[in-house]
N, C-alpha and C. Protein backbone atom coordinates (compact mmCIF):
# COMPACT_ATOMS: atom_id res chain seq x y z
N MET A 1 -18.19 23.71 29.24
CA MET A 1 -18.34 24.33 28.13
C MET A 1 -19.49 24.28 27.24
N SER A 2 -20.24 25.01 26.68
CA SER A 2 -21.08 25.22 25.94
C SER A 2 -21.11 24.64 24.54
N ASP A 3 -22.28 24.06 23.85
CA ASP A 3 -21.98 23.59 22.49
C ASP A 3 -21.46 25.00 21.59
N LYS A 4 -21.91 26.14 22.06
CA LYS A 4 -21.36 27.26 21.12
C LYS A 4 -19.84 27.36 21.22
N ASP A 5 -19.39 27.01 22.20
CA ASP A 5 -17.81 27.25 22.45
C ASP A 5 -17.13 26.26 21.82
N LEU A 6 -17.62 25.07 21.60
CA LEU A 6 -16.98 24.09 20.90
C LEU A 6 -16.30 24.39 19.92
N ILE A 7 -14.84 23.95 19.60
CA ILE A 7 -14.20 24.48 18.23
C ILE A 7 -13.41 23.28 17.73
N CYS A 8 -13.13 22.96 16.40
CA CYS A 8 -12.46 21.93 16.04
C CYS A 8 -10.93 22.35 16.55
N SER A 9 -10.16 21.21 17.01
CA SER A 9 -8.77 21.22 17.61
C SER A 9 -8.05 21.36 16.16
N PHE A 10 -8.52 21.33 15.12
CA PHE A 10 -7.16 21.38 14.05
C PHE A 10 -7.38 22.51 13.51
N CYS A 11 -8.67 22.97 13.00
CA CYS A 11 -8.90 24.22 11.96
C CYS A 11 -9.36 25.42 12.66
N SER A 12 -9.79 25.33 14.05
CA SER A 12 -10.60 26.36 14.82
C SER A 12 -11.81 26.64 14.40
N LEU A 13 -12.46 25.89 13.55
CA LEU A 13 -14.02 26.37 13.22
C LEU A 13 -14.56 26.08 14.35
N SER A 14 -15.81 26.66 14.77
CA SER A 14 -16.84 26.45 15.51
C SER A 14 -17.82 25.40 15.27
N LYS A 15 -18.62 25.18 16.14
CA LYS A 15 -19.44 23.78 15.67
C LYS A 15 -20.49 24.53 15.12
N SER A 16 -20.87 25.47 14.97
CA SER A 16 -21.92 26.25 14.15
C SER A 16 -21.36 26.29 12.80
N GLN A 17 -19.87 26.46 12.52
CA GLN A 17 -19.45 26.50 11.19
C GLN A 17 -19.14 25.20 10.46
N THR A 18 -19.44 24.15 11.10
CA THR A 18 -19.48 22.89 10.64
C THR A 18 -20.59 22.16 10.47
N ASN A 19 -20.56 20.70 9.62
CA ASN A 19 -21.43 19.95 9.65
C ASN A 19 -21.53 19.28 10.90
N LEU A 20 -20.50 18.70 11.46
CA LEU A 20 -20.35 17.60 12.20
C LEU A 20 -19.17 18.02 13.03
N LEU A 21 -18.93 17.89 14.33
CA LEU A 21 -17.99 18.07 15.18
C LEU A 21 -17.79 16.99 16.17
N VAL A 22 -16.94 16.00 16.02
CA VAL A 22 -16.62 14.77 16.71
C VAL A 22 -16.05 15.07 17.67
N ALA A 23 -16.59 14.66 18.98
CA ALA A 23 -15.83 15.06 20.42
C ALA A 23 -14.93 13.94 20.72
N GLY A 24 -13.49 14.00 21.19
CA GLY A 24 -12.72 13.08 21.80
C GLY A 24 -12.61 13.45 23.31
N GLN A 25 -11.72 12.80 24.05
CA GLN A 25 -11.56 12.91 25.38
C GLN A 25 -11.00 14.54 25.76
N ASP A 26 -10.22 14.99 25.10
CA ASP A 26 -9.68 16.52 24.97
C ASP A 26 -9.72 17.09 23.80
N ALA A 27 -10.43 16.87 22.81
CA ALA A 27 -9.96 17.55 21.50
C ALA A 27 -11.52 17.18 20.46
N HIS A 28 -11.62 17.87 19.54
CA HIS A 28 -12.57 17.85 18.76
C HIS A 28 -12.13 17.79 17.38
N ILE A 29 -12.65 17.38 16.19
CA ILE A 29 -12.60 17.32 14.93
C ILE A 29 -13.86 17.62 14.02
N CYS A 30 -13.60 18.38 13.34
CA CYS A 30 -14.93 18.56 12.45
C CYS A 30 -14.75 17.88 11.03
N ASP A 31 -15.93 17.90 10.24
CA ASP A 31 -15.82 16.98 9.28
C ASP A 31 -15.19 17.26 7.94
N SER A 32 -14.71 18.44 7.97
CA SER A 32 -13.98 18.96 7.19
C SER A 32 -12.53 18.24 7.27
N CYS A 33 -11.77 18.21 8.44
CA CYS A 33 -10.66 17.80 8.96
C CYS A 33 -10.82 16.22 8.62
N ILE A 34 -11.74 15.80 9.04
CA ILE A 34 -11.74 14.13 9.03
C ILE A 34 -11.68 13.76 7.48
N GLU A 35 -12.48 14.37 6.63
CA GLU A 35 -12.13 14.11 5.24
C GLU A 35 -10.79 14.61 4.75
N GLN A 36 -10.18 15.71 5.40
CA GLN A 36 -8.82 15.83 4.66
C GLN A 36 -7.95 14.84 5.41
N ALA A 37 -7.85 14.39 6.34
CA ALA A 37 -7.25 13.34 6.97
C ALA A 37 -7.25 11.94 6.35
N TYR A 38 -8.74 11.78 6.18
CA TYR A 38 -9.01 10.41 5.37
C TYR A 38 -8.01 10.58 3.94
N GLY A 39 -8.06 11.50 3.15
CA GLY A 39 -7.45 11.74 2.05
C GLY A 39 -5.86 11.49 2.06
N ILE A 40 -5.35 11.96 3.28
CA ILE A 40 -3.95 12.03 3.56
C ILE A 40 -3.76 10.58 3.81
N ILE A 41 -4.62 9.50 4.55
CA ILE A 41 -4.21 8.25 4.73
C ILE A 41 -4.24 7.28 3.64
N ILE A 42 -5.12 7.74 2.88
CA ILE A 42 -5.33 6.95 1.23
C ILE A 42 -3.69 7.23 0.54
N GLU A 43 -3.59 8.47 0.48
CA GLU A 43 -2.51 8.57 -0.26
C GLU A 43 -0.92 8.12 0.03
N GLU A 44 -1.29 8.00 1.75
CA GLU A 44 0.08 7.90 2.39
C GLU A 44 0.01 6.02 1.94
N SER A 45 -1.18 5.34 2.10
CA SER A 45 -1.25 3.92 1.96
C SER A 45 -0.88 3.56 0.15
N LYS A 46 -1.45 4.60 -0.69
CA LYS A 46 -1.10 4.26 -1.80
C LYS A 46 0.46 4.24 -2.23
N ARG A 47 1.35 5.23 -1.49
CA ARG A 47 2.45 5.59 -1.75
C ARG A 47 3.45 4.20 -1.08
N ASN A 48 2.70 3.81 0.06
CA ASN A 48 3.41 2.75 0.79
C ASN A 48 3.58 1.62 -0.02
N ASP A 49 2.28 1.52 -0.58
CA ASP A 49 2.10 0.03 -1.58
C ASP A 49 3.08 0.22 -2.65
N ASN A 50 3.16 1.37 -3.59
CA ASN A 50 4.24 1.38 -4.54
C ASN A 50 5.62 1.36 -3.79
N LEU A 51 5.98 1.74 -2.90
CA LEU A 51 7.52 1.61 -2.17
C LEU A 51 7.55 -0.20 -2.07
N LYS A 52 6.60 -0.74 -1.59
CA LYS A 52 6.77 -2.18 -1.36
C LYS A 52 6.87 -3.00 -2.93
N GLU A 53 5.87 -2.53 -3.78
CA GLU A 53 6.16 -3.01 -4.89
C GLU A 53 7.49 -2.82 -5.60
N GLU A 54 8.01 -1.51 -5.56
CA GLU A 54 9.45 -1.38 -6.13
C GLU A 54 10.43 -2.16 -5.58
N GLU A 55 10.47 -2.30 -3.93
CA GLU A 55 11.38 -3.13 -3.34
C GLU A 55 11.23 -4.81 -3.71
N GLU A 56 10.05 -5.12 -3.86
CA GLU A 56 9.98 -6.38 -4.57
C GLU A 56 10.35 -6.96 -5.98
N LEU A 57 10.54 -5.77 -6.76
CA LEU A 57 10.91 -5.76 -8.47
C LEU A 57 12.52 -5.72 -8.42
N THR A 58 12.93 -6.52 -7.71
CA THR A 58 14.36 -6.49 -8.14
C THR A 58 14.92 -7.50 -8.97
N ILE A 59 15.57 -7.41 -10.24
CA ILE A 59 16.29 -8.17 -11.15
C ILE A 59 17.68 -8.65 -10.73
N ALA A 60 17.33 -9.96 -10.57
CA ALA A 60 18.81 -10.67 -10.21
C ALA A 60 19.72 -10.81 -11.45
N LYS A 61 21.04 -10.73 -11.22
CA LYS A 61 22.00 -10.78 -12.34
C LYS A 61 21.90 -12.07 -13.25
N PRO A 62 22.34 -12.03 -14.02
CA PRO A 62 22.59 -13.47 -14.84
C PRO A 62 23.11 -14.81 -14.05
N LYS A 63 24.29 -14.32 -13.75
CA LYS A 63 25.01 -15.14 -12.87
C LYS A 63 24.27 -15.65 -11.61
N GLU A 64 23.50 -14.89 -11.03
CA GLU A 64 22.77 -15.25 -9.87
C GLU A 64 21.81 -16.04 -10.06
N ILE A 65 21.31 -15.99 -11.40
CA ILE A 65 19.72 -16.90 -11.70
C ILE A 65 20.46 -18.25 -12.06
N LYS A 66 21.72 -18.28 -12.83
CA LYS A 66 22.25 -19.48 -13.20
C LYS A 66 22.58 -20.30 -11.95
N LEU A 67 23.21 -19.72 -10.75
CA LEU A 67 23.36 -20.32 -9.68
C LEU A 67 22.13 -20.82 -9.11
N PHE A 68 20.94 -19.91 -8.98
CA PHE A 68 19.99 -20.65 -8.66
C PHE A 68 19.17 -21.78 -9.43
N LEU A 69 19.38 -21.68 -10.74
CA LEU A 69 18.98 -22.95 -11.53
C LEU A 69 20.07 -24.33 -11.44
N ASP A 70 21.02 -24.04 -11.02
CA ASP A 70 22.04 -24.95 -10.68
C ASP A 70 21.64 -25.91 -9.79
N ASP A 71 21.00 -25.41 -8.69
CA ASP A 71 20.58 -25.95 -7.37
C ASP A 71 19.31 -26.56 -7.63
N TYR A 72 18.39 -26.34 -8.65
CA TYR A 72 17.16 -27.29 -9.30
C TYR A 72 17.46 -28.22 -10.44
N VAL A 73 18.48 -27.88 -11.30
CA VAL A 73 18.50 -28.43 -12.68
C VAL A 73 19.99 -28.83 -12.84
N ILE A 74 20.04 -30.26 -12.99
CA ILE A 74 21.32 -31.05 -13.02
C ILE A 74 21.63 -30.83 -14.47
N GLY A 75 22.72 -30.14 -14.84
CA GLY A 75 23.35 -30.17 -16.35
C GLY A 75 22.61 -29.10 -17.07
N GLN A 76 22.44 -29.40 -18.36
CA GLN A 76 21.70 -28.42 -19.31
C GLN A 76 22.21 -27.01 -19.46
N ASP A 77 23.24 -26.85 -19.19
CA ASP A 77 24.25 -25.41 -19.10
C ASP A 77 23.75 -24.82 -20.39
N HIS A 78 23.92 -25.20 -21.44
CA HIS A 78 23.62 -24.60 -22.87
C HIS A 78 21.98 -24.10 -22.60
N THR A 79 21.15 -25.07 -22.05
CA THR A 79 19.76 -24.15 -22.23
C THR A 79 19.60 -23.07 -21.16
N LYS A 80 20.35 -23.42 -19.95
CA LYS A 80 20.14 -22.39 -19.06
C LYS A 80 20.73 -20.91 -19.28
N LYS A 81 21.84 -21.09 -19.93
CA LYS A 81 22.07 -19.87 -20.72
C LYS A 81 21.34 -19.34 -21.77
N ASN A 82 20.71 -19.86 -22.64
CA ASN A 82 19.92 -19.38 -23.70
C ASN A 82 18.64 -19.03 -22.99
N SER A 83 18.01 -19.52 -22.26
CA SER A 83 16.67 -19.18 -21.53
C SER A 83 17.16 -17.72 -20.63
N LEU A 84 18.37 -17.56 -20.00
CA LEU A 84 18.73 -16.40 -19.54
C LEU A 84 18.62 -15.29 -20.60
N CYS A 85 19.35 -15.47 -22.05
CA CYS A 85 19.38 -14.57 -22.93
C CYS A 85 18.29 -14.20 -23.40
N SER A 86 17.20 -15.35 -23.44
CA SER A 86 15.76 -15.11 -24.03
C SER A 86 15.07 -14.11 -23.06
N CYS A 87 15.21 -14.34 -21.73
CA CYS A 87 14.49 -13.61 -20.84
C CYS A 87 15.16 -12.04 -20.75
N LEU A 88 16.04 -12.04 -20.66
CA LEU A 88 16.98 -10.40 -20.87
C LEU A 88 16.49 -9.81 -21.91
N GLN A 89 16.35 -10.57 -23.35
CA GLN A 89 16.09 -9.52 -24.26
C GLN A 89 14.70 -9.32 -24.40
N SER A 90 13.63 -9.84 -23.76
CA SER A 90 12.19 -9.30 -23.66
C SER A 90 12.02 -8.43 -22.42
N LEU A 91 13.12 -7.95 -21.66
CA LEU A 91 13.17 -6.90 -20.82
C LEU A 91 13.37 -5.56 -21.28
């Protein structure tokens, strides 16, 4: 196959219609398709990062927080309850 016959395997532009045509083993990709693919990768990466952050931001119920504190703080139930109320009001 001559250089003139090479086309992008994604958008079918010929080599003469592109600035760059990268050759793989069984396919070719032009600079425009590379840029578009890169943009898709960036957007998907941002979307995945946002999903991870949302999963990490789960708020425990007050009873769960108190049970957690009970494992580390002996007594002081009044302080634990007041601290929970203050935290919930700031949300």
